[in-house]
Every structure is written in structure tokens, then in C-alpha cells.
């Protein structure tokens, strides 16, 4: 027995730890040297394209609505869609910046449309719920339109199966108002035609496509059967041909973008109603009258 004021030496114990650590390091190094590179294969997810449009003038949380897939965490990209889904005007062209195809796993997908708000009691309100049948490689449009106050609110959807317009451009109009409209599409600089391109387009519906030669296209929208314009004429998305990041004469490496000047494109004008007075939808002057915005439905070929 050691005297109480003598501390046992730890040197033998420490030497054992050092030998064990060195041996472990050698073993791990040997294992690593003999092990081939490991390849971890990730899943190739079969994906469809889904876009959401908020065209309801009276149904909204403080920040609009959210379209969410609720069966899986993935594919939730349609948040804070205020009425008209973020219309922005640049260079005289108005487009809804939030209306974009977002990837979603194929299959039978459960979804809900919620009010978007900072208050939990409001944000948990489901406006719609349903199941989306999605197929890989296909694009789909979901649009909420009509009014909750009048009982016309509904959620519609369709596959955007646009036939290839070839050397032409496909044009369409989506009437999100609750009254029929007449729409004329014509080349910028020309006289407005007497006959509508699409006559008496029903409320809450999408027209068929018409094919035109590529060019700068103007849309005129009137209440059906009248000479009353709903708003000033609008110039459609022009798009852009393939180009080079090196400038003129360089190798083409920037894909073409969809628009009426680029063959193979499909473009829609969405005609929105005015915002319902007193609702939680935007109440600024721009929303106190009907308006239009453009979206693309089909991309043209890359161009290189």
C-alpha cells in the first residue's frame, strides 16, 4: 500500500494508449488504401411541371395563398401567390413573375391550397384540397378563380399539351373574369381588326390556340359584343432568339426564350378582374380595374 501522499505513475498506462492509437491509425489507413472508390447513386426522380395562378379577386390571407403538395416535403414552391400572381411590368411588357412551372414528382399527389398569413388561425385554413395525377415530362396549370363571396370560387386544372407550332407561334387567352370577353390579337403597328380573334370567350375559361407568324403581337380586350376596352392594348411577351455570350458573331450558347417573336413558342394572355373592394386582396389603384398579364405555355427549340 502506497503512502497517502504518493501519486501512482500513469506513464505505463499512457504508453498503452499511444500504442493502441497508432495501431488503430495504421489499420484504418490500410483499410482505406485497399477500399475502392465508392459511388453513391442518387434517385433519378420522374418529374412533371406544375404552375399555379391566383386569379381570385376576393380570397386571400395577408400574403395571398399557398399551393402545397402535402404528401411529400418536396415540390413545395408555390408560396405567397397574391392576386394576379406577382404581375411586373418591364420594358412595357407585363408578366406574372410567380407563374412558373415547378418540378413535382409524378404520381397521385395530394395537395391543398392554404391562406398565407402570419396568424396561425388563418394560415391553417384550407381553401381547397385534392389529388393531382401527374405524369413525368408533362406540364400542368392549376388556377384558382371566381369569388368566395358570390359562391363562384373554384380550382381548375388542365394539362398544357400544346401542339408544336413549328415555324409559327401559338396564342391563347385565359379569361379569369366573370363575364365573357372579345379578344383581338394583331401585329403591332397594324390597325385593330374588326372581327375578334376569339369571340365571346366564356367567363372562367381558356380559349383554343391560334397560330400566327412570329412578330410583335398586340392584344385588345373588350367586354363581349361591345366597343368598350377593359384596359389599354397590351404587347405580348416578345421572347428572344438564341444568342452568344461572346457577342455578335460568337458561338451560340444562350438558349432562346419563349415569346411571340420566336417560332415554336406558345403564349397566353391572362385577363384578370378587378380586386373585390374591401377584400384582403390588393386594393391599390392598379387592382381597382381589370388588367392583363402574359405567361408562356411552351418553350421554343433551344436554337443551337
C-alpha atoms as a PDB file:
ATOM      1  CA  UNK A   1       0.000   0.000   0.000  1.00  0.00           C
ATOM      2  CA  UNK A   2       1.362   3.393  -1.032  1.00  0.00           C
ATOM      3  CA  UNK A   3       1.621   6.216   1.452  1.00  0.00           C
ATOM      4  CA  UNK A   4      -1.274   8.612   1.155  1.00  0.00           C
ATOM      5  CA  UNK A   5       0.919  11.411  -0.197  1.00  0.00           C
ATOM      6  CA  UNK A   6       2.394   9.336  -3.089  1.00  0.00           C
ATOM      7  CA  UNK A   7       0.633   9.589  -6.514  1.00  0.00           C
ATOM      8  CA  UNK A   8       0.941   6.454  -8.719  1.00  0.00           C
ATOM      9  CA  UNK A   9       2.702   6.956 -12.061  1.00  0.00           C
ATOM     10  CA  UNK A  10       0.425   6.976 -15.179  1.00  0.00           C
ATOM     11  CA  UNK A  11       3.310   6.539 -17.625  1.00  0.00           C
ATOM     12  CA  UNK A  12       2.700   2.803 -18.383  1.00  0.00           C
ATOM     13  CA  UNK A  13      -0.979   3.474 -18.943  1.00  0.00           C
ATOM     14  CA  UNK A  14      -0.287   6.368 -21.335  1.00  0.00           C
ATOM     15  CA  UNK A  15       2.200   4.274 -23.305  1.00  0.00           C
ATOM     16  CA  UNK A  16      -0.548   1.665 -23.808  1.00  0.00           C
ATOM     17  CA  UNK A  17      -2.988   4.306 -25.091  1.00  0.00           C
ATOM     18  CA  UNK A  18      -0.412   5.661 -27.549  1.00  0.00           C
ATOM     19  CA  UNK A  19       0.347   2.163 -28.877  1.00  0.00           C
ATOM     20  CA  UNK A  20      -3.377   1.453 -29.317  1.00  0.00           C
ATOM     21  CA  UNK A  21      -3.964   4.765 -31.152  1.00  0.00           C
ATOM     22  CA  UNK A  22      -1.053   4.155 -33.519  1.00  0.00           C
ATOM     23  CA  UNK A  23      -2.229   0.645 -34.275  1.00  0.00           C
ATOM     24  CA  UNK A  24      -5.758   1.873 -34.977  1.00  0.00           C
ATOM     25  CA  UNK A  25      -4.463   4.559 -37.361  1.00  0.00           C
ATOM     26  CA  UNK A  26      -2.413   2.013 -39.292  1.00  0.00           C
ATOM     27  CA  UNK A  27      -5.411  -0.303 -39.575  1.00  0.00           C
ATOM     28  CA  UNK A  28      -7.657   2.460 -40.853  1.00  0.00           C
ATOM     29  CA  UNK A  29      -5.060   3.633 -43.364  1.00  0.00           C
ATOM     30  CA  UNK A  30      -4.653   0.080 -44.665  1.00  0.00           C
ATOM     31  CA  UNK A  31      -8.423  -0.343 -44.981  1.00  0.00           C
ATOM     32  CA  UNK A  32      -8.749   2.970 -46.817  1.00  0.00           C
ATOM     33  CA  UNK A  33      -5.923   2.127 -49.210  1.00  0.00           C
ATOM     34  CA  UNK A  34      -7.474  -1.230 -50.124  1.00  0.00           C
ATOM     35  CA  UNK A  35     -11.068   0.045 -50.462  1.00  0.00           C
ATOM     36  CA  UNK A  36     -12.143   1.098 -53.991  1.00  0.00           C
ATOM     37  CA  UNK A  37     -13.851   4.467 -54.566  1.00  0.00           C
ATOM     38  CA  UNK A  38     -17.468   4.236 -53.536  1.00  0.00           C
ATOM     39  CA  UNK A  39     -20.174   5.604 -55.864  1.00  0.00           C
ATOM     40  CA  UNK A  40     -23.422   6.651 -54.249  1.00  0.00           C
ATOM     41  CA  UNK A  41     -26.208   6.640 -56.813  1.00  0.00           C
ATOM     42  CA  UNK A  42     -28.944   9.224 -56.280  1.00  0.00           C
ATOM     43  CA  UNK A  43     -32.518   8.740 -57.415  1.00  0.00           C
ATOM     44  CA  UNK A  44     -33.497   9.996 -60.855  1.00  0.00           C
ATOM     45  CA  UNK A  45     -36.852  11.467 -59.856  1.00  0.00           C
ATOM     46  CA  UNK A  46     -39.550  11.286 -62.573  1.00  0.00           C
ATOM     47  CA  UNK A  47     -40.789  14.876 -62.659  1.00  0.00           C
ATOM     48  CA  UNK A  48     -43.732  16.828 -64.048  1.00  0.00           C
ATOM     49  CA  UNK A  49     -44.055  20.610 -64.281  1.00  0.00           C
ATOM     50  CA  UNK A  50     -46.779  22.332 -62.230  1.00  0.00           C
ATOM     51  CA  UNK A  51     -47.667  26.025 -62.164  1.00  0.00           C
ATOM     52  CA  UNK A  52     -50.241  27.826 -60.034  1.00  0.00           C
ATOM     53  CA  UNK A  53     -52.190  31.012 -60.838  1.00  0.00           C
ATOM     54  CA  UNK A  54     -54.112  33.011 -58.245  1.00  0.00           C
ATOM     55  CA  UNK A  55     -56.928  34.733 -60.152  1.00  0.00           C
ATOM     56  CA  UNK A  56     -59.438  35.096 -57.307  1.00  0.00           C
ATOM     57  CA  UNK A  57     -60.180  38.766 -56.545  1.00  0.00           C
ATOM     58  CA  UNK A  58     -61.521  38.234 -53.027  1.00  0.00           C
ATOM     59  CA  UNK A  59     -59.965  35.135 -51.412  1.00  0.00           C
ATOM     60  CA  UNK A  60     -56.676  35.818 -49.636  1.00  0.00           C
ATOM     61  CA  UNK A  61     -54.655  35.800 -46.465  1.00  0.00           C
ATOM     62  CA  UNK A  62     -52.369  38.725 -45.689  1.00  0.00           C
ATOM     63  CA  UNK A  63     -49.909  37.361 -48.285  1.00  0.00           C
ATOM     64  CA  UNK A  64     -52.268  35.629 -50.687  1.00  0.00           C
ATOM     65  CA  UNK A  65     -52.428  31.837 -50.836  1.00  0.00           C
ATOM     66  CA  UNK A  66     -50.083  28.844 -50.938  1.00  0.00           C
ATOM     67  CA  UNK A  67     -50.416  25.815 -53.220  1.00  0.00           C
ATOM     68  CA  UNK A  68     -48.711  22.901 -51.460  1.00  0.00           C
ATOM     69  CA  UNK A  69     -48.236  19.202 -52.014  1.00  0.00           C
ATOM     70  CA  UNK A  70     -48.936  17.685 -48.608  1.00  0.00           C
ATOM     71  CA  UNK A  71     -47.973  14.037 -49.180  1.00  0.00           C
ATOM     72  CA  UNK A  72     -44.223  14.712 -49.520  1.00  0.00           C
ATOM     73  CA  UNK A  73     -41.958  17.501 -48.292  1.00  0.00           C
ATOM     74  CA  UNK A  74     -40.525  18.072 -51.761  1.00  0.00           C
ATOM     75  CA  UNK A  75     -42.111  20.044 -54.620  1.00  0.00           C
ATOM     76  CA  UNK A  76     -43.481  22.882 -52.482  1.00  0.00           C
ATOM     77  CA  UNK A  77     -42.581  26.019 -54.409  1.00  0.00           C
ATOM     78  CA  UNK A  78     -45.868  27.909 -54.897  1.00  0.00           C
ATOM     79  CA  UNK A  79     -45.890  30.236 -51.891  1.00  0.00           C
ATOM     80  CA  UNK A  80     -47.308  33.706 -51.307  1.00  0.00           C
ATOM     81  CA  UNK A  81     -49.270  33.986 -54.507  1.00  0.00           C
ATOM     82  CA  UNK A  82     -51.140  37.232 -54.145  1.00  0.00           C
ATOM     83  CA  UNK A  83     -53.985  38.046 -56.528  1.00  0.00           C
ATOM     84  CA  UNK A  84     -52.638  38.061 -60.126  1.00  0.00           C
ATOM     85  CA  UNK A  85     -49.527  36.126 -59.000  1.00  0.00           C
ATOM     86  CA  UNK A  86     -46.987  38.929 -58.942  1.00  0.00           C
ATOM     87  CA  UNK A  87     -47.531  40.985 -62.113  1.00  0.00           C
ATOM     88  CA  UNK A  88     -44.461  43.028 -63.054  1.00  0.00           C
ATOM     89  CA  UNK A  89     -44.072  45.450 -65.955  1.00  0.00           C
ATOM     90  CA  UNK A  90     -40.670  45.854 -67.575  1.00  0.00           C
ATOM     91  CA  UNK A  91     -39.980  47.456 -70.941  1.00  0.00           C
ATOM     92  CA  UNK A  92     -43.714  47.866 -71.475  1.00  0.00           C
ATOM     93  CA  UNK A  93     -44.372  44.126 -71.062  1.00  0.00           C
ATOM     94  CA  UNK A  94     -46.420  42.818 -68.113  1.00  0.00           C
ATOM     95  CA  UNK A  95     -45.825  39.276 -66.888  1.00  0.00           C
ATOM     96  CA  UNK A  96     -46.771  37.383 -63.745  1.00  0.00           C
ATOM     97  CA  UNK A  97     -43.377  36.518 -62.268  1.00  0.00           C
ATOM     98  CA  UNK A  98     -44.738  33.803 -59.936  1.00  0.00           C
ATOM     99  CA  UNK A  99     -46.396  31.808 -62.726  1.00  0.00           C
ATOM    100  CA  UNK A 100     -43.644  29.321 -63.463  1.00  0.00           C
ATOM    101  CA  UNK A 101     -43.555  25.578 -63.982  1.00  0.00           C
ATOM    102  CA  UNK A 102     -42.021  23.969 -60.902  1.00  0.00           C
ATOM    103  CA  UNK A 103     -40.820  20.384 -60.707  1.00  0.00           C
ATOM    104  CA  UNK A 104     -43.080  17.898 -58.923  1.00  0.00           C
ATOM    105  CA  UNK A 105     -42.651  14.132 -58.523  1.00  0.00           C
ATOM    106  CA  UNK A 106     -45.010  12.178 -60.765  1.00  0.00           C
ATOM    107  CA  UNK A 107     -47.857  10.089 -59.393  1.00  0.00           C
ATOM    108  CA  UNK A 108     -51.031  10.660 -57.448  1.00  0.00           C
ATOM    109  CA  UNK A 109     -50.087  13.721 -55.373  1.00  0.00           C
ATOM    110  CA  UNK A 110     -52.169  15.104 -52.523  1.00  0.00           C
ATOM    111  CA  UNK A 111     -52.295  18.905 -52.402  1.00  0.00           C
ATOM    112  CA  UNK A 112     -54.017  21.748 -50.557  1.00  0.00           C
ATOM    113  CA  UNK A 113     -54.432  25.476 -51.101  1.00  0.00           C
ATOM    114  CA  UNK A 114     -53.965  27.424 -47.855  1.00  0.00           C
ATOM    115  CA  UNK A 115     -54.442  31.067 -46.986  1.00  0.00           C
ATOM    116  CA  UNK A 116     -50.997  32.635 -46.464  1.00  0.00           C
ATOM    117  CA  UNK A 117     -50.823  34.683 -43.276  1.00  0.00           C
ATOM    118  CA  UNK A 118     -48.686  35.269 -40.184  1.00  0.00           C
ATOM    119  CA  UNK A 119     -51.649  34.319 -37.971  1.00  0.00           C
ATOM    120  CA  UNK A 120     -51.779  30.563 -37.444  1.00  0.00           C
ATOM    121  CA  UNK A 121     -55.565  30.584 -37.226  1.00  0.00           C
ATOM    122  CA  UNK A 122     -55.727  31.996 -40.771  1.00  0.00           C
ATOM    123  CA  UNK A 123     -52.703  30.213 -42.283  1.00  0.00           C
ATOM    124  CA  UNK A 124     -54.196  26.826 -41.341  1.00  0.00           C
ATOM    125  CA  UNK A 125     -57.363  27.468 -43.367  1.00  0.00           C
ATOM    126  CA  UNK A 126     -57.619  25.165 -46.389  1.00  0.00           C
ATOM    127  CA  UNK A 127     -59.377  26.727 -49.341  1.00  0.00           C
ATOM    128  CA  UNK A 128     -59.104  23.594 -51.496  1.00  0.00           C
ATOM    129  CA  UNK A 129     -57.751  20.050 -51.157  1.00  0.00           C
ATOM    130  CA  UNK A 130     -57.450  17.357 -53.778  1.00  0.00           C
ATOM    131  CA  UNK A 131     -55.264  14.883 -55.638  1.00  0.00           C
ATOM    132  CA  UNK A 132     -53.184  15.712 -58.696  1.00  0.00           C
ATOM    133  CA  UNK A 133     -52.485  12.966 -61.240  1.00  0.00           C
ATOM    134  CA  UNK A 134     -49.058  13.915 -62.593  1.00  0.00           C
ATOM    135  CA  UNK A 135     -47.072  12.222 -65.356  1.00  0.00           C
ATOM    136  CA  UNK A 136     -43.356  12.739 -65.877  1.00  0.00           C
ATOM    137  CA  UNK A 137     -42.413  15.114 -68.674  1.00  0.00           C
ATOM    138  CA  UNK A 138     -45.830  16.820 -68.795  1.00  0.00           C
ATOM    139  CA  UNK A 139     -46.817  20.325 -67.693  1.00  0.00           C
ATOM    140  CA  UNK A 140     -49.956  21.267 -65.756  1.00  0.00           C
ATOM    141  CA  UNK A 141     -51.728  24.501 -64.861  1.00  0.00           C
ATOM    142  CA  UNK A 142     -53.730  24.976 -61.648  1.00  0.00           C
ATOM    143  CA  UNK A 143     -55.748  28.191 -61.423  1.00  0.00           C
ATOM    144  CA  UNK A 144     -57.884  29.485 -58.562  1.00  0.00           C
ATOM    145  CA  UNK A 145     -60.553  31.864 -59.857  1.00  0.00           C
ATOM    146  CA  UNK A 146     -64.027  33.172 -59.074  1.00  0.00           C
ATOM    147  CA  UNK A 147     -65.143  34.692 -55.776  1.00  0.00           C
ATOM    148  CA  UNK A 148     -65.748  33.128 -52.405  1.00  0.00           C
ATOM    149  CA  UNK A 149     -68.267  35.854 -51.579  1.00  0.00           C
ATOM    150  CA  UNK A 150     -70.514  35.001 -54.521  1.00  0.00           C
ATOM    151  CA  UNK A 151     -70.026  31.232 -54.400  1.00  0.00           C
ATOM    152  CA  UNK A 152     -68.203  31.067 -57.737  1.00  0.00           C
ATOM    153  CA  UNK A 153     -64.746  30.265 -56.336  1.00  0.00           C
ATOM    154  CA  UNK A 154     -63.213  27.161 -57.886  1.00  0.00           C
ATOM    155  CA  UNK A 155     -59.887  25.497 -58.618  1.00  0.00           C
ATOM    156  CA  UNK A 156     -59.427  24.307 -62.189  1.00  0.00           C
ATOM    157  CA  UNK A 157     -56.576  22.389 -63.758  1.00  0.00           C
ATOM    158  CA  UNK A 158     -55.538  21.098 -67.143  1.00  0.00           C
ATOM    159  CA  UNK A 159     -52.549  19.590 -68.909  1.00  0.00           C
ATOM    160  CA  UNK A 160     -50.661  22.107 -71.054  1.00  0.00           C
ATOM    161  CA  UNK A 161     -50.420  19.818 -74.060  1.00  0.00           C
ATOM    162  CA  UNK A 162     -49.621  22.476 -76.660  1.00  0.00           C
ATOM    163  CA  UNK A 163     -49.060  21.146 -80.173  1.00  0.00           C
ATOM    164  CA  UNK A 164     -45.741  22.166 -81.698  1.00  0.00           C
ATOM    165  CA  UNK A 165     -46.444  25.370 -83.680  1.00  0.00           C
ATOM    166  CA  UNK A 166     -43.415  24.700 -85.876  1.00  0.00           C
ATOM    167  CA  UNK A 167     -42.400  27.856 -87.750  1.00  0.00           C
ATOM    168  CA  UNK A 168     -45.318  29.767 -86.211  1.00  0.00           C
ATOM    169  CA  UNK A 169     -46.343  30.952 -82.735  1.00  0.00           C
ATOM    170  CA  UNK A 170     -49.358  29.702 -80.734  1.00  0.00           C
ATOM    171  CA  UNK A 171     -51.515  32.340 -78.995  1.00  0.00           C
ATOM    172  CA  UNK A 172     -54.280  31.922 -76.421  1.00  0.00           C
ATOM    173  CA  UNK A 173     -56.308  33.937 -73.910  1.00  0.00           C
ATOM    174  CA  UNK A 174     -57.387  32.867 -70.403  1.00  0.00           C
ATOM    175  CA  UNK A 175     -60.495  34.730 -69.211  1.00  0.00           C
ATOM    176  CA  UNK A 176     -60.301  34.886 -65.402  1.00  0.00           C
ATOM    177  CA  UNK A 177     -63.148  37.420 -65.188  1.00  0.00           C
ATOM    178  CA  UNK A 178     -66.773  36.504 -64.542  1.00  0.00           C
ATOM    179  CA  UNK A 179     -68.065  37.967 -67.821  1.00  0.00           C
ATOM    180  CA  UNK A 180     -67.480  36.932 -71.455  1.00  0.00           C
ATOM    181  CA  UNK A 181     -64.907  38.904 -73.455  1.00  0.00           C
ATOM    182  CA  UNK A 182     -63.857  39.503 -77.063  1.00  0.00           C
ATOM    183  CA  UNK A 183     -60.119  39.476 -77.744  1.00  0.00           C
ATOM    184  CA  UNK A 184     -58.196  40.583 -80.811  1.00  0.00           C
ATOM    185  CA  UNK A 185     -54.546  39.685 -81.408  1.00  0.00           C
ATOM    186  CA  UNK A 186     -52.773  41.537 -84.203  1.00  0.00           C
ATOM    187  CA  UNK A 187     -49.318  42.663 -85.321  1.00  0.00           C
ATOM    188  CA  UNK A 188     -48.033  45.787 -83.610  1.00  0.00           C
ATOM    189  CA  UNK A 189     -48.425  48.845 -85.843  1.00  0.00           C
ATOM    190  CA  UNK A 190     -51.368  47.445 -87.767  1.00  0.00           C
ATOM    191  CA  UNK A 191     -54.973  48.537 -87.454  1.00  0.00           C
ATOM    192  CA  UNK A 192     -57.093  46.670 -84.926  1.00  0.00           C
ATOM    193  CA  UNK A 193     -59.175  44.120 -86.868  1.00  0.00           C
ATOM    194  CA  UNK A 194     -62.959  44.376 -86.882  1.00  0.00           C
ATOM    195  CA  UNK A 195     -63.508  40.709 -86.085  1.00  0.00           C
ATOM    196  CA  UNK A 196     -62.269  39.269 -82.761  1.00  0.00           C
ATOM    197  CA  UNK A 197     -59.588  36.612 -82.863  1.00  0.00           C
ATOM    198  CA  UNK A 198     -61.505  34.959 -80.005  1.00  0.00           C
ATOM    199  CA  UNK A 199     -65.173  35.964 -79.789  1.00  0.00           C
ATOM    200  CA  UNK A 200     -67.291  35.659 -76.661  1.00  0.00           C
ATOM    201  CA  UNK A 201     -64.712  33.803 -74.546  1.00  0.00           C
ATOM    202  CA  UNK A 202     -66.757  32.488 -71.582  1.00  0.00           C
ATOM    203  CA  UNK A 203     -66.093  33.545 -68.004  1.00  0.00           C
ATOM    204  CA  UNK A 204     -63.503  31.459 -66.137  1.00  0.00           C
ATOM    205  CA  UNK A 205     -62.269  29.601 -69.211  1.00  0.00           C
ATOM    206  CA  UNK A 206     -59.315  29.270 -71.587  1.00  0.00           C
ATOM    207  CA  UNK A 207     -59.656  29.714 -75.336  1.00  0.00           C
ATOM    208  CA  UNK A 208     -58.235  27.497 -78.036  1.00  0.00           C
ATOM    209  CA  UNK A 209     -54.893  28.404 -79.613  1.00  0.00           C
ATOM    210  CA  UNK A 210     -54.480  30.205 -82.911  1.00  0.00           C
ATOM    211  CA  UNK A 211     -51.279  30.116 -84.971  1.00  0.00           C
ATOM    212  CA  UNK A 212     -49.674  33.292 -86.291  1.00  0.00           C
ATOM    213  CA  UNK A 213     -46.385  34.222 -87.904  1.00  0.00           C
ATOM    214  CA  UNK A 214     -43.677  35.311 -85.431  1.00  0.00           C
ATOM    215  CA  UNK A 215     -43.735  39.026 -84.703  1.00  0.00           C
ATOM    216  CA  UNK A 216     -44.581  41.672 -82.123  1.00  0.00           C
ATOM    217  CA  UNK A 217     -48.185  40.912 -81.167  1.00  0.00           C
ATOM    218  CA  UNK A 218     -50.684  43.251 -79.501  1.00  0.00           C
ATOM    219  CA  UNK A 219     -53.799  42.116 -77.614  1.00  0.00           C
ATOM    220  CA  UNK A 220     -57.004  44.152 -77.405  1.00  0.00           C
ATOM    221  CA  UNK A 221     -59.643  43.065 -74.854  1.00  0.00           C
ATOM    222  CA  UNK A 222     -63.281  44.195 -74.829  1.00  0.00           C
ATOM    223  CA  UNK A 223     -66.424  43.218 -72.980  1.00  0.00           C
ATOM    224  CA  UNK A 224     -68.125  40.719 -75.323  1.00  0.00           C
ATOM    225  CA  UNK A 225     -70.276  42.306 -78.002  1.00  0.00           C
ATOM    226  CA  UNK A 226     -69.237  45.877 -77.130  1.00  0.00           C
ATOM    227  CA  UNK A 227     -66.738  48.505 -78.158  1.00  0.00           C
ATOM    228  CA  UNK A 228     -65.629  49.032 -74.547  1.00  0.00           C
ATOM    229  CA  UNK A 229     -61.988  48.212 -73.850  1.00  0.00           C
ATOM    230  CA  UNK A 230     -61.355  46.604 -70.458  1.00  0.00           C
ATOM    231  CA  UNK A 231     -57.863  48.151 -70.437  1.00  0.00           C
ATOM    232  CA  UNK A 232     -55.297  49.614 -72.820  1.00  0.00           C
ATOM    233  CA  UNK A 233     -53.840  47.347 -75.501  1.00  0.00           C
ATOM    234  CA  UNK A 234     -51.028  45.105 -74.294  1.00  0.00           C
ATOM    235  CA  UNK A 235     -47.903  43.965 -76.137  1.00  0.00           C
ATOM    236  CA  UNK A 236     -47.224  40.270 -75.630  1.00  0.00           C
ATOM    237  CA  UNK A 237     -44.003  38.687 -74.372  1.00  0.00           C
ATOM    238  CA  UNK A 238     -41.522  39.150 -77.242  1.00  0.00           C
ATOM    239  CA  UNK A 239     -39.043  36.414 -76.288  1.00  0.00           C
ATOM    240  CA  UNK A 240     -35.536  36.261 -77.710  1.00  0.00           C
ATOM    241  CA  UNK A 241     -33.694  34.154 -80.256  1.00  0.00           C
ATOM    242  CA  UNK A 242     -30.650  32.115 -79.264  1.00  0.00           C
ATOM    243  CA  UNK A 243     -27.584  34.295 -78.768  1.00  0.00           C
ATOM    244  CA  UNK A 244     -23.899  34.227 -77.836  1.00  0.00           C
ATOM    245  CA  UNK A 245     -22.402  35.304 -74.536  1.00  0.00           C
ATOM    246  CA  UNK A 246     -19.391  36.459 -76.569  1.00  0.00           C
ATOM    247  CA  UNK A 247     -21.453  38.942 -78.555  1.00  0.00           C
ATOM    248  CA  UNK A 248     -22.201  39.213 -82.253  1.00  0.00           C
ATOM    249  CA  UNK A 249     -20.548  36.511 -84.328  1.00  0.00           C
ATOM    250  CA  UNK A 250     -19.754  34.336 -81.308  1.00  0.00           C
ATOM    251  CA  UNK A 251     -20.823  30.747 -80.795  1.00  0.00           C
ATOM    252  CA  UNK A 252     -24.461  30.432 -79.769  1.00  0.00           C
ATOM    253  CA  UNK A 253     -24.575  29.331 -76.134  1.00  0.00           C
ATOM    254  CA  UNK A 254     -27.633  31.125 -74.693  1.00  0.00           C
ATOM    255  CA  UNK A 255     -30.923  29.342 -75.364  1.00  0.00           C
ATOM    256  CA  UNK A 256     -33.839  31.131 -76.974  1.00  0.00           C
ATOM    257  CA  UNK A 257     -36.590  32.322 -74.634  1.00  0.00           C
ATOM    258  CA  UNK A 258     -40.324  31.992 -75.334  1.00  0.00           C
ATOM    259  CA  UNK A 259     -42.218  34.866 -76.916  1.00  0.00           C
ATOM    260  CA  UNK A 260     -44.206  35.903 -79.944  1.00  0.00           C
ATOM    261  CA  UNK A 261     -41.106  36.764 -81.990  1.00  0.00           C
ATOM    262  CA  UNK A 262     -39.625  33.270 -81.603  1.00  0.00           C
ATOM    263  CA  UNK A 263     -41.074  30.419 -83.686  1.00  0.00           C
ATOM    264  CA  UNK A 264     -42.188  27.389 -81.698  1.00  0.00           C
ATOM    265  CA  UNK A 265     -43.394  29.412 -78.685  1.00  0.00           C
ATOM    266  CA  UNK A 266     -46.847  29.332 -77.096  1.00  0.00           C
ATOM    267  CA  UNK A 267     -48.025  32.424 -75.190  1.00  0.00           C
ATOM    268  CA  UNK A 268     -51.164  33.202 -73.155  1.00  0.00           C
ATOM    269  CA  UNK A 269     -52.716  36.460 -72.041  1.00  0.00           C
ATOM    270  CA  UNK A 270     -54.485  36.125 -68.680  1.00  0.00           C
ATOM    271  CA  UNK A 271     -57.313  38.650 -68.279  1.00  0.00           C
ATOM    272  CA  UNK A 272     -57.888  39.356 -64.580  1.00  0.00           C
ATOM    273  CA  UNK A 273     -60.895  41.066 -62.980  1.00  0.00           C
ATOM    274  CA  UNK A 274     -60.574  43.997 -60.612  1.00  0.00           C
ATOM    275  CA  UNK A 275     -59.900  43.234 -56.962  1.00  0.00           C
ATOM    276  CA  UNK A 276     -63.074  42.971 -54.875  1.00  0.00           C
ATOM    277  CA  UNK A 277     -63.494  46.152 -52.838  1.00  0.00           C
ATOM    278  CA  UNK A 278     -62.948  45.592 -49.124  1.00  0.00           C
ATOM    279  CA  UNK A 279     -61.366  42.130 -49.539  1.00  0.00           C
ATOM    280  CA  UNK A 280     -57.867  41.198 -48.327  1.00  0.00           C
ATOM    281  CA  UNK A 281     -56.659  41.149 -51.922  1.00  0.00           C
ATOM    282  CA  UNK A 282     -54.595  44.194 -53.063  1.00  0.00           C
ATOM    283  CA  UNK A 283     -56.608  47.415 -53.037  1.00  0.00           C
ATOM    284  CA  UNK A 284     -54.234  49.821 -54.801  1.00  0.00           C
ATOM    285  CA  UNK A 285     -55.314  51.754 -57.905  1.00  0.00           C
ATOM    286  CA  UNK A 286     -53.757  49.184 -60.253  1.00  0.00           C
ATOM    287  CA  UNK A 287     -56.031  46.485 -58.787  1.00  0.00           C
ATOM    288  CA  UNK A 288     -59.217  48.605 -58.858  1.00  0.00           C
ATOM    289  CA  UNK A 289     -59.624  47.895 -62.586  1.00  0.00           C
ATOM    290  CA  UNK A 290     -59.293  44.779 -64.777  1.00  0.00           C
ATOM    291  CA  UNK A 291     -55.796  44.013 -66.084  1.00  0.00           C
ATOM    292  CA  UNK A 292     -53.849  41.570 -68.187  1.00  0.00           C
ATOM    293  CA  UNK A 293     -50.583  39.693 -67.824  1.00  0.00           C
ATOM    294  CA  UNK A 294     -48.657  37.283 -70.043  1.00  0.00           C
ATOM    295  CA  UNK A 295     -47.248  33.799 -69.414  1.00  0.00           C
ATOM    296  CA  UNK A 296     -45.551  31.295 -71.690  1.00  0.00           C
ATOM    297  CA  UNK A 297     -47.045  27.825 -72.198  1.00  0.00           C
ATOM    298  CA  UNK A 298     -44.443  26.194 -74.431  1.00  0.00           C
ATOM    299  CA  UNK A 299     -40.756  26.899 -74.942  1.00  0.00           C
ATOM    300  CA  UNK A 300     -39.318  27.153 -78.437  1.00  0.00           C
ATOM    301  CA  UNK A 301     -36.361  24.980 -79.548  1.00  0.00           C
ATOM    302  CA  UNK A 302     -33.039  25.934 -77.920  1.00  0.00           C
ATOM    303  CA  UNK A 303     -31.726  27.365 -81.152  1.00  0.00           C
ATOM    304  CA  UNK A 304     -28.364  25.574 -81.190  1.00  0.00           C
END
